């Protein structure tokens, strides 16, 4: 009789968890995955990456038809109306297909789906939905959830003060949407509803949008969003949200508090029919029973691991949003593959220095590696920027906003970071990530032939600027 029910039990079926389960099964291990949702895929597939992209794409098409973009190409549409219910339904169709695809892959790879919440009894015993199962190795991949704003109550059903899940499911276009938080999620969802007709105000505590991104990108993004009609209140904090009926009244003031001698002059009230709280996410660790296995969290509520994703408890591993690093689906997926390979006795590889990040607004914003600010702290650098306005494909597509920026070591010209704003920046950044993974210099990119006319030529030109001068500016 086997000592354990499973070789590997993965807790959580998000991008990290389901990938870890499938990879472990591919390596010949007997695998189960515990997931409490009715569908697989975690936050990303159900109420995150996938549904938000469906709405972003649909709203972009609607805006092109309404704002004259189609007309500029000679396409005359006549009166354009929004069927929000149909737009929401196509979002749900995409989610259903993709989550169903994960269930198919589980069956194909003989991964057992244990339905229910999981909690540790000991390091090798987990209670799932009231039943106890054992495993030689347990992987914690429970992801993250919305960080609450103290004193502000989110009620997605009421639809007045919502989090990202609620903002994806609104049944009407708000007249005035106030987004609390100028990060990726707030800007993406703010973009959706602005395109569909809402007035959008973004309130950000810091002095710039998009914390953690390159300084030039943050400044340029603010210009673009303002041009698109978003109102930005930077260096501003929300001190209260009062809801009466279908109206929310927000009290805001300077991030550092009212200026001396101003009394209440710096305090402002904003009225909105919808408020989106998007100030970040926190690891899902509550209810896991970590105290039963003696697994402590760091000051940020995360699980610390070694390079191989082992925790301090033998037989227990952790990946994805519950451990330090960017909370990104693709980072979790890579860690899922790696942890399965480590468990199987192989060597898993994740280069955490080359994890691209993308903001799926229009234009898209993407980056990989070091910001210029961080790179300069490490030593002398060379920096080159190429504007999308000078890129032939962007020009013909009427997409002049943005640039590509290459940051390289001043001596070796090895690429340290790439940042770009362009309509297809999310796809363009893959080339930069691949180049950095192979230790490329700017010259390597500059002397690689790029198809013409493509947006990707902007990266080639920016790389040329490190060693000399771009051709087209």
Protein backbone atom coordinates (compact mmCIF):
# COMPACT_ATOMS: atom_id res chain seq x y z
CA UNK A 1 0.00 0.00 0.00
CA UNK A 2 1.31 3.44 -0.97
CA UNK A 3 2.56 5.60 1.87
CA UNK A 4 0.76 8.64 0.44
CA UNK A 5 -2.40 9.15 -1.62
CA UNK A 6 -0.49 11.33 -4.08
CA UNK A 7 3.09 12.14 -4.96
CA UNK A 8 2.18 15.81 -5.33
CA UNK A 9 -0.78 17.83 -4.10
CA UNK A 10 -1.08 21.36 -5.47
CA UNK A 11 -3.25 23.80 -3.54
CA UNK A 12 -4.79 26.24 -6.01
CA UNK A 13 -5.56 25.91 -9.71
CA UNK A 14 -4.53 29.35 -10.94
CA UNK A 15 -1.80 29.85 -13.57
CA UNK A 16 0.91 28.67 -11.17
CA UNK A 17 -1.02 25.80 -9.63
CA UNK A 18 -2.56 24.21 -12.70
CA UNK A 19 0.73 24.44 -14.61
CA UNK A 20 2.61 22.85 -11.69
CA UNK A 21 0.06 20.04 -11.55
CA UNK A 22 0.19 19.34 -15.27
CA UNK A 23 3.98 19.46 -15.44
CA UNK A 24 4.33 17.16 -12.43
CA UNK A 25 1.95 14.69 -14.09
CA UNK A 26 3.92 14.89 -17.34
CA UNK A 27 6.99 13.88 -15.33
CA UNK A 28 5.29 10.68 -14.18
CA UNK A 29 4.06 11.73 -10.73
CA UNK A 30 0.63 11.00 -9.30
CA UNK A 31 -0.91 14.44 -8.89
CA UNK A 32 -3.96 16.09 -7.36
CA UNK A 33 -4.94 19.74 -7.38
CA UNK A 34 -7.25 21.28 -4.78
CA UNK A 35 -9.44 24.13 -6.00
CA UNK A 36 -12.57 25.60 -4.42
CA UNK A 37 -13.89 27.52 -7.44
CA UNK A 38 -16.48 25.96 -9.68
CA UNK A 39 -14.02 26.37 -12.56
CA UNK A 40 -10.26 26.04 -12.89
CA UNK A 41 -7.84 28.82 -13.81
CA UNK A 42 -7.85 30.91 -10.64
CA UNK A 43 -8.27 34.67 -10.57
CA UNK A 44 -6.50 35.10 -13.91
CA UNK A 45 -8.85 33.09 -16.07
CA UNK A 46 -12.03 33.71 -14.09
CA UNK A 47 -11.98 37.31 -12.87
CA UNK A 48 -8.63 38.76 -13.89
CA UNK A 49 -6.35 38.66 -16.93
CA UNK A 50 -8.71 36.98 -19.37
CA UNK A 51 -12.07 38.71 -18.79
CA UNK A 52 -10.36 42.10 -18.49
CA UNK A 53 -8.67 41.61 -21.87
CA UNK A 54 -11.99 40.61 -23.43
CA UNK A 55 -13.54 43.88 -22.22
CA UNK A 56 -10.46 45.91 -23.14
CA UNK A 57 -10.57 44.57 -26.69
CA UNK A 58 -14.32 45.01 -27.07
CA UNK A 59 -14.28 48.52 -25.64
CA UNK A 60 -11.39 49.44 -27.91
CA UNK A 61 -13.38 48.39 -30.97
CA UNK A 62 -16.38 50.37 -29.74
CA UNK A 63 -14.26 53.48 -29.18
CA UNK A 64 -12.74 53.21 -32.65
CA UNK A 65 -16.21 53.19 -34.14
CA UNK A 66 -17.42 56.12 -32.04
CA UNK A 67 -14.44 58.48 -31.87
CA UNK A 68 -13.79 58.78 -35.58
CA UNK A 69 -10.96 56.27 -35.93
CA UNK A 70 -12.94 54.14 -38.37
CA UNK A 71 -13.94 57.26 -40.30
CA UNK A 72 -10.28 58.26 -40.68
CA UNK A 73 -9.78 55.05 -42.65
CA UNK A 74 -12.78 55.77 -44.84
CA UNK A 75 -15.04 53.36 -42.99
CA UNK A 76 -18.48 54.87 -42.47
CA UNK A 77 -20.59 53.06 -39.89
CA UNK A 78 -23.59 55.26 -39.19
CA UNK A 79 -24.94 55.56 -35.65
CA UNK A 80 -23.04 53.32 -33.22
CA UNK A 81 -24.73 51.93 -30.11
CA UNK A 82 -23.44 49.83 -27.23
CA UNK A 83 -24.96 46.48 -26.29
CA UNK A 84 -23.20 46.06 -22.95
CA UNK A 85 -24.95 42.77 -22.21
CA UNK A 86 -23.57 41.29 -25.44
CA UNK A 87 -20.09 42.61 -24.66
CA UNK A 88 -20.24 41.02 -21.21
CA UNK A 89 -21.47 37.77 -22.72
CA UNK A 90 -18.57 37.48 -25.17
CA UNK A 91 -16.30 37.98 -22.15
CA UNK A 92 -18.01 35.10 -20.35
CA UNK A 93 -17.76 32.92 -23.47
CA UNK A 94 -13.99 33.44 -23.57
CA UNK A 95 -13.68 32.58 -19.88
CA UNK A 96 -15.81 29.45 -20.27
CA UNK A 97 -13.76 28.16 -23.19
CA UNK A 98 -10.43 28.72 -21.46
CA UNK A 99 -11.39 27.36 -18.04
CA UNK A 100 -12.96 24.37 -19.77
CA UNK A 101 -9.67 23.91 -21.59
CA UNK A 102 -7.81 23.58 -18.28
CA UNK A 103 -10.30 20.95 -17.11
CA UNK A 104 -9.66 19.04 -20.35
CA UNK A 105 -5.90 19.23 -19.77
CA UNK A 106 -6.34 17.88 -16.23
CA UNK A 107 -8.20 14.86 -17.59
CA UNK A 108 -5.70 14.38 -20.41
CA UNK A 109 -2.77 14.37 -17.96
CA UNK A 110 -4.61 12.37 -15.27
CA UNK A 111 -4.55 15.17 -12.69
CA UNK A 112 -7.21 14.66 -10.01
CA UNK A 113 -9.25 17.76 -9.22
CA UNK A 114 -10.14 17.83 -5.53
CA UNK A 115 -13.00 20.32 -5.17
CA UNK A 116 -13.04 22.41 -2.02
CA UNK A 117 -10.96 24.62 0.26
CA UNK A 118 -7.69 23.10 1.41
CA UNK A 119 -6.02 23.42 4.81
CA UNK A 120 -2.98 21.71 6.31
CA UNK A 121 -3.36 19.14 9.07
CA UNK A 122 0.37 18.45 8.96
CA UNK A 123 3.09 18.83 6.35
CA UNK A 124 1.86 15.83 4.37
CA UNK A 125 -1.85 15.83 5.21
CA UNK A 126 -4.35 18.30 3.82
CA UNK A 127 -8.06 18.56 4.46
CA UNK A 128 -9.98 19.33 1.27
CA UNK A 129 -13.70 19.91 1.53
CA UNK A 130 -13.79 17.93 4.77
CA UNK A 131 -11.86 14.92 3.45
CA UNK A 132 -8.23 14.26 4.35
CA UNK A 133 -5.67 13.43 1.67
CA UNK A 134 -1.95 12.86 1.95
CA UNK A 135 0.92 13.71 -0.37
CA UNK A 136 4.67 13.36 -0.31
CA UNK A 137 5.04 16.94 -1.55
CA UNK A 138 2.55 19.81 -1.26
CA UNK A 139 2.75 22.96 -3.38
CA UNK A 140 1.06 26.13 -2.13
CA UNK A 141 -0.19 28.09 -5.15
CA UNK A 142 -3.16 29.95 -3.70
CA UNK A 143 -2.57 33.26 -5.47
CA UNK A 144 -3.69 36.64 -4.22
CA UNK A 145 -6.80 38.73 -3.62
CA UNK A 146 -7.67 42.41 -3.61
CA UNK A 147 -6.08 44.53 -0.90
CA UNK A 148 -8.86 46.29 1.02
CA UNK A 149 -8.80 50.02 1.70
CA UNK A 150 -9.28 50.60 5.44
CA UNK A 151 -12.65 52.12 6.19
CA UNK A 152 -14.06 51.44 2.73
CA UNK A 153 -16.59 48.63 2.26
CA UNK A 154 -16.65 46.90 -1.12
CA UNK A 155 -20.04 45.55 -2.23
CA UNK A 156 -19.83 44.16 -5.75
CA UNK A 157 -23.50 43.20 -5.78
CA UNK A 158 -24.60 46.79 -5.13
CA UNK A 159 -22.23 48.01 -7.84
CA UNK A 160 -21.36 51.36 -6.21
CA UNK A 161 -18.06 50.58 -4.45
CA UNK A 162 -16.45 47.65 -6.25
CA UNK A 163 -13.15 45.83 -6.57
CA UNK A 164 -11.70 44.52 -9.83
CA UNK A 165 -14.13 41.58 -9.88
CA UNK A 166 -17.11 43.91 -9.58
CA UNK A 167 -15.71 46.33 -12.15
CA UNK A 168 -15.60 43.51 -14.70
CA UNK A 169 -19.28 42.72 -14.24
CA UNK A 170 -21.01 46.12 -14.20
CA UNK A 171 -24.42 46.00 -15.89
CA UNK A 172 -24.38 49.65 -16.89
CA UNK A 173 -21.79 52.22 -17.89
CA UNK A 174 -21.11 54.53 -14.93
CA UNK A 175 -21.62 58.23 -15.40
CA UNK A 176 -18.60 58.94 -13.20
CA UNK A 177 -16.15 56.24 -12.20
CA UNK A 178 -13.54 57.09 -9.59
CA UNK A 179 -10.60 54.70 -9.56
CA UNK A 180 -8.65 54.56 -6.31
CA UNK A 181 -5.17 53.49 -7.36
CA UNK A 182 -3.13 54.39 -10.43
CA UNK A 183 -1.59 50.97 -10.97
CA UNK A 184 -2.09 48.40 -13.72
CA UNK A 185 -5.52 47.13 -12.70
CA UNK A 186 -7.01 50.56 -12.05
CA UNK A 187 -5.78 51.97 -15.37
CA UNK A 188 -6.89 48.96 -17.41
CA UNK A 189 -10.40 48.87 -15.99
CA UNK A 190 -10.62 52.66 -15.99
CA UNK A 191 -9.77 52.53 -19.70
CA UNK A 192 -12.58 50.06 -20.38
CA UNK A 193 -15.29 52.23 -18.88
CA UNK A 194 -13.87 55.50 -20.23
CA UNK A 195 -14.05 54.09 -23.75
CA UNK A 196 -17.64 53.04 -23.18
CA UNK A 197 -18.64 56.54 -22.11
CA UNK A 198 -17.88 57.04 -18.41
CA UNK A 199 -16.11 60.04 -16.97
CA UNK A 200 -13.07 58.56 -15.21
CA UNK A 201 -11.08 60.09 -12.36
CA UNK A 202 -7.98 58.29 -11.09
CA UNK A 203 -6.82 59.04 -7.54
CA UNK A 204 -3.25 57.97 -6.86
CA UNK A 205 -1.35 58.40 -3.58
CA UNK A 206 2.06 58.63 -5.26
CA UNK A 207 3.19 61.52 -7.47
CA UNK A 208 3.10 59.37 -10.62
CA UNK A 209 1.11 56.49 -12.06
CA UNK A 210 2.33 52.90 -12.43
CA UNK A 211 4.59 52.33 -9.41
CA UNK A 212 7.68 50.28 -10.21
CA UNK A 213 7.84 51.18 -13.88
CA UNK A 214 10.48 53.27 -15.61
CA UNK A 215 10.24 57.01 -14.91
CA UNK A 216 9.95 58.05 -18.56
CA UNK A 217 7.18 55.52 -19.07
CA UNK A 218 5.28 56.79 -16.03
CA UNK A 219 5.45 60.40 -17.22
CA UNK A 220 4.47 59.58 -20.80
CA UNK A 221 1.62 57.36 -19.65
CA UNK A 222 0.15 60.22 -17.62
CA UNK A 223 0.25 62.49 -20.69
CA UNK A 224 -1.48 59.88 -22.82
CA UNK A 225 -4.23 59.11 -20.31
CA UNK A 226 -4.91 62.82 -19.82
CA UNK A 227 -5.14 63.26 -23.59
CA UNK A 228 -7.63 60.40 -23.67
CA UNK A 229 -9.84 62.22 -21.18
CA UNK A 230 -8.94 60.70 -17.83
CA UNK A 231 -8.70 63.08 -14.90
CA UNK A 232 -5.64 62.29 -12.79
CA UNK A 233 -5.36 63.31 -9.16
CA UNK A 234 -1.80 62.41 -8.19
CA UNK A 235 -0.21 62.80 -4.74
CA UNK A 236 -3.73 62.46 -3.39
CA UNK A 237 -5.19 60.14 -0.78
CA UNK A 238 -8.75 59.04 -0.12
CA UNK A 239 -9.71 59.56 3.50
CA UNK A 240 -13.30 58.37 3.30
CA UNK A 241 -16.03 56.96 1.09
CA UNK A 242 -19.67 57.44 2.06
CA UNK A 243 -22.41 55.66 0.14
CA UNK A 244 -26.00 56.86 0.01
CA UNK A 245 -28.26 54.95 -2.32
CA UNK A 246 -26.51 54.70 -5.68
CA UNK A 247 -24.10 57.57 -5.02
CA UNK A 248 -20.67 57.55 -3.39
CA UNK A 249 -19.02 60.64 -1.95
CA UNK A 250 -15.26 60.46 -1.60
CA UNK A 251 -13.21 62.73 0.61
CA UNK A 252 -9.70 63.33 -0.71
CA UNK A 253 -6.75 65.43 0.38
CA UNK A 254 -3.05 65.82 -0.45
CA UNK A 255 -1.04 62.66 0.22
CA UNK A 256 0.98 64.47 2.85
CA UNK A 257 -2.11 65.87 4.52
CA UNK A 258 -3.56 69.40 4.26
CA UNK A 259 -0.89 72.09 4.00
CA UNK A 260 -0.09 74.08 7.11
CA UNK A 261 -2.52 76.92 7.67
CA UNK A 262 -4.92 75.76 4.94
CA UNK A 263 -7.48 74.43 7.38
CA UNK A 264 -9.80 72.31 5.25
CA UNK A 265 -9.07 74.19 2.01
CA UNK A 266 -7.05 71.27 0.59
CA UNK A 267 -9.81 68.77 1.32
CA UNK A 268 -12.07 67.95 -1.62
CA UNK A 269 -15.18 65.88 -2.17
CA UNK A 270 -15.78 63.80 -5.29
CA UNK A 271 -19.19 62.40 -6.19
CA UNK A 272 -19.46 59.23 -8.25
CA UNK A 273 -21.94 56.52 -9.09
CA UNK A 274 -19.16 53.92 -9.11
CA UNK A 275 -15.89 53.66 -7.19
CA UNK A 276 -13.23 51.08 -8.04
CA UNK A 277 -10.83 50.17 -5.24
CA UNK A 278 -7.60 49.03 -6.94
CA UNK A 279 -4.75 49.67 -4.52
CA UNK A 280 -3.03 46.32 -4.95
CA UNK A 281 -3.27 42.66 -4.05
CA UNK A 282 -2.21 40.52 -1.09
CA UNK A 283 -1.26 36.81 -0.79
CA UNK A 284 -4.03 34.29 -0.10
CA UNK A 285 -2.71 32.58 3.01
CA UNK A 286 -5.58 32.87 5.49
CA UNK A 287 -7.25 29.58 6.34
CA UNK A 288 -4.42 27.42 5.02
CA UNK A 289 -3.49 26.23 8.50
CA UNK A 290 0.13 27.31 8.10
CA UNK A 291 0.44 27.55 11.87
CA UNK A 292 -0.14 23.79 12.09
CA UNK A 293 3.00 23.11 10.10
CA UNK A 294 5.07 25.92 11.64
CA UNK A 295 5.34 27.94 8.44
CA UNK A 296 5.80 31.63 9.24
CA UNK A 297 5.19 34.57 6.91
CA UNK A 298 7.45 37.53 6.21
CA UNK A 299 6.49 41.12 7.03
CA UNK A 300 4.53 41.43 3.80
CA UNK A 301 2.47 38.33 4.52
CA UNK A 302 4.36 36.26 1.95
CA UNK A 303 5.89 32.79 2.14
CA UNK A 304 9.66 32.83 1.80
CA UNK A 305 11.29 30.10 -0.29
CA UNK A 306 14.68 29.11 -1.55
CA UNK A 307 15.68 29.30 -5.21
CA UNK A 308 14.03 25.92 -5.71
CA UNK A 309 10.73 27.09 -4.12
CA UNK A 310 11.15 24.97 -1.00
CA UNK A 311 9.73 26.53 2.13
CA UNK A 312 11.26 26.12 5.58
CA UNK A 313 9.01 23.07 6.09
CA UNK A 314 10.31 19.87 4.41
CA UNK A 315 7.93 18.62 1.74
CA UNK A 316 6.11 21.96 1.40
CA UNK A 317 6.77 24.25 -1.56
CA UNK A 318 5.29 27.59 -2.68
CA UNK A 319 5.00 29.53 -5.94
CA UNK A 320 3.23 32.49 -7.51
CA UNK A 321 1.61 35.39 -5.74
CA UNK A 322 2.14 33.94 -2.26
CA UNK A 323 5.92 34.33 -2.53
CA UNK A 324 8.00 37.48 -3.14
CA UNK A 325 8.20 38.90 -6.66
CA UNK A 326 5.80 40.46 -9.14
CA UNK A 327 2.22 39.16 -8.95
CA UNK A 328 2.03 38.10 -12.59
CA UNK A 329 0.41 35.04 -14.13
CA UNK A 330 3.36 34.27 -16.39
CA UNK A 331 5.80 34.47 -13.48
CA UNK A 332 3.61 31.96 -11.61
CA UNK A 333 3.45 29.68 -14.66
CA UNK A 334 7.23 29.56 -15.01
CA UNK A 335 7.53 28.82 -11.30
CA UNK A 336 4.91 26.09 -11.68
CA UNK A 337 7.01 24.32 -14.29
CA UNK A 338 10.17 24.80 -12.24
CA UNK A 339 8.77 23.54 -8.93
CA UNK A 340 7.42 20.40 -10.60
CA UNK A 341 10.82 19.73 -12.10
CA UNK A 342 12.55 20.25 -8.76
CA UNK A 343 10.11 17.86 -7.07
CA UNK A 344 10.78 15.29 -9.80
CA UNK A 345 14.53 15.50 -9.14
CA UNK A 346 15.34 17.72 -12.09
CA UNK A 347 16.53 21.33 -12.14
CA UNK A 348 13.86 23.97 -12.69
CA UNK A 349 14.87 27.35 -14.05
CA UNK A 350 13.24 30.75 -13.58
CA UNK A 351 15.19 33.92 -14.29
CA UNK A 352 13.47 36.42 -12.03
CA UNK A 353 15.56 39.23 -13.51
CA UNK A 354 13.80 38.83 -16.85
CA UNK A 355 10.08 38.85 -16.08
CA UNK A 356 8.19 41.15 -18.49
CA UNK A 357 5.26 43.23 -17.30
CA UNK A 358 2.48 44.64 -19.47
CA UNK A 359 -0.31 47.18 -19.02
CA UNK A 360 -3.05 46.40 -21.56
CA UNK A 361 -4.34 49.91 -22.05
CA UNK A 362 -4.19 51.63 -25.44
CA UNK A 363 -1.44 52.05 -26.26
CA UNK A 364 0.00 49.14 -24.33
CA UNK A 365 2.83 49.72 -21.86
CA UNK A 366 5.49 47.08 -21.30
CA UNK A 367 8.86 46.62 -19.71
CA UNK A 368 11.43 44.03 -18.76
CA UNK A 369 14.57 44.23 -16.66
CA UNK A 370 15.81 47.31 -14.85
CA UNK A 371 14.34 50.79 -14.96
CA UNK A 372 16.76 53.58 -15.84
CA UNK A 373 16.66 54.70 -12.22
CA UNK A 374 17.57 51.25 -10.87
CA UNK A 375 20.22 50.67 -13.53
CA UNK A 376 21.98 53.94 -12.70
CA UNK A 377 22.18 52.93 -9.06
CA UNK A 378 24.22 49.89 -10.13
CA UNK A 379 26.63 51.79 -12.36
CA UNK A 380 27.09 53.87 -15.54
CA UNK A 381 24.58 53.22 -18.31
CA UNK A 382 23.74 54.23 -21.86
CA UNK A 383 20.14 55.04 -22.71
CA UNK A 384 18.47 55.34 -26.09
CA UNK A 385 14.86 56.19 -26.98
CA UNK A 386 13.09 55.89 -30.31
CA UNK A 387 9.65 57.47 -30.80
CA UNK A 388 6.81 55.46 -32.30
CA UNK A 389 5.97 58.60 -34.28
CA UNK A 390 9.02 57.79 -36.44
CA UNK A 391 8.03 54.13 -36.92
CA UNK A 392 6.45 53.52 -40.32
CA UNK A 393 3.92 50.90 -39.18
CA UNK A 394 2.77 53.00 -36.22
CA UNK A 395 2.47 55.95 -38.59
CA UNK A 396 0.31 54.13 -41.13
CA UNK A 397 -1.85 52.70 -38.34
CA UNK A 398 -2.41 56.19 -36.90
CA UNK A 399 -0.70 55.10 -33.65
CA UNK A 400 1.93 57.80 -33.02
CA UNK A 401 1.99 57.73 -29.20
CA UNK A 402 4.84 56.17 -27.27
CA UNK A 403 8.45 55.13 -27.64
CA UNK A 404 10.91 52.28 -27.13
CA UNK A 405 13.67 52.79 -24.59
CA UNK A 406 16.78 50.63 -24.26
CA UNK A 407 19.00 50.79 -21.18
CA UNK A 408 22.44 49.22 -21.51
CA UNK A 409 25.61 48.88 -19.47
CA UNK A 410 27.87 51.78 -20.45
CA UNK A 411 30.98 49.61 -20.89
CA UNK A 412 29.72 46.33 -22.33
CA UNK A 413 26.47 47.63 -23.88
CA UNK A 414 24.72 44.56 -22.50
CA UNK A 415 21.00 45.25 -22.36
CA UNK A 416 19.79 45.82 -18.79
CA UNK A 417 16.22 46.89 -19.46
CA UNK A 418 13.73 47.68 -22.22
CA UNK A 419 10.60 49.80 -21.80
CA UNK A 420 8.04 50.66 -24.42
CA UNK A 421 4.72 52.31 -25.05
CA UNK A 422 3.11 51.21 -28.30
CA UNK A 423 -0.12 49.70 -29.53
CA UNK A 424 1.44 46.21 -29.47
CA UNK A 425 4.03 46.74 -26.72
CA UNK A 426 2.91 43.55 -24.96
CA UNK A 427 4.02 41.49 -27.94
CA UNK A 428 7.10 43.57 -28.67
CA UNK A 429 8.51 43.05 -25.19
CA UNK A 430 8.93 39.31 -25.83
CA UNK A 431 11.83 40.00 -28.17
CA UNK A 432 13.52 42.13 -25.53
CA UNK A 433 13.03 39.46 -22.88
CA UNK A 434 14.48 36.77 -25.14
CA UNK A 435 17.45 38.96 -25.99
CA UNK A 436 18.14 39.65 -22.32
CA UNK A 437 17.78 35.96 -21.44
CA UNK A 438 20.61 35.25 -23.86
CA UNK A 439 22.73 38.14 -22.54
CA UNK A 440 22.41 40.20 -25.70
CA UNK A 441 24.11 43.53 -26.24
CA UNK A 442 22.36 46.43 -27.90
CA UNK A 443 24.51 45.70 -30.96
CA UNK A 444 23.07 42.17 -31.14
CA UNK A 445 19.56 43.61 -31.44
CA UNK A 446 20.62 46.43 -33.76
CA UNK A 447 22.26 44.03 -36.20
CA UNK A 448 19.39 41.56 -36.24
CA UNK A 449 17.25 42.08 -39.32
CA UNK A 450 13.69 43.10 -38.42
CA UNK A 451 10.81 42.81 -40.88
CA UNK A 452 9.57 46.04 -42.42
CA UNK A 453 7.18 47.64 -41.78
CA UNK A 454 6.63 46.45 -38.20
CA UNK A 455 6.37 48.07 -34.79
CA UNK A 456 9.31 45.91 -33.71
CA UNK A 457 11.66 48.01 -35.86
CA UNK A 458 11.39 50.66 -33.13
CA UNK A 459 13.30 48.34 -30.79
CA UNK A 460 16.00 47.83 -33.42
CA UNK A 461 16.31 51.60 -33.87
CA UNK A 462 16.46 52.23 -30.13
CA UNK A 463 19.20 49.60 -29.87
CA UNK A 464 21.08 51.30 -32.71
CA UNK A 465 21.01 54.47 -30.63
CA UNK A 466 23.10 52.85 -27.90
CA UNK A 467 26.08 52.38 -30.20
CA UNK A 468 25.59 55.26 -32.57
CA UNK A 469 22.47 56.76 -34.04
CA UNK A 470 19.13 55.46 -35.28
CA UNK A 471 18.49 55.82 -38.99
CA UNK A 472 14.99 57.27 -38.96
CA UNK A 473 15.36 60.20 -36.56
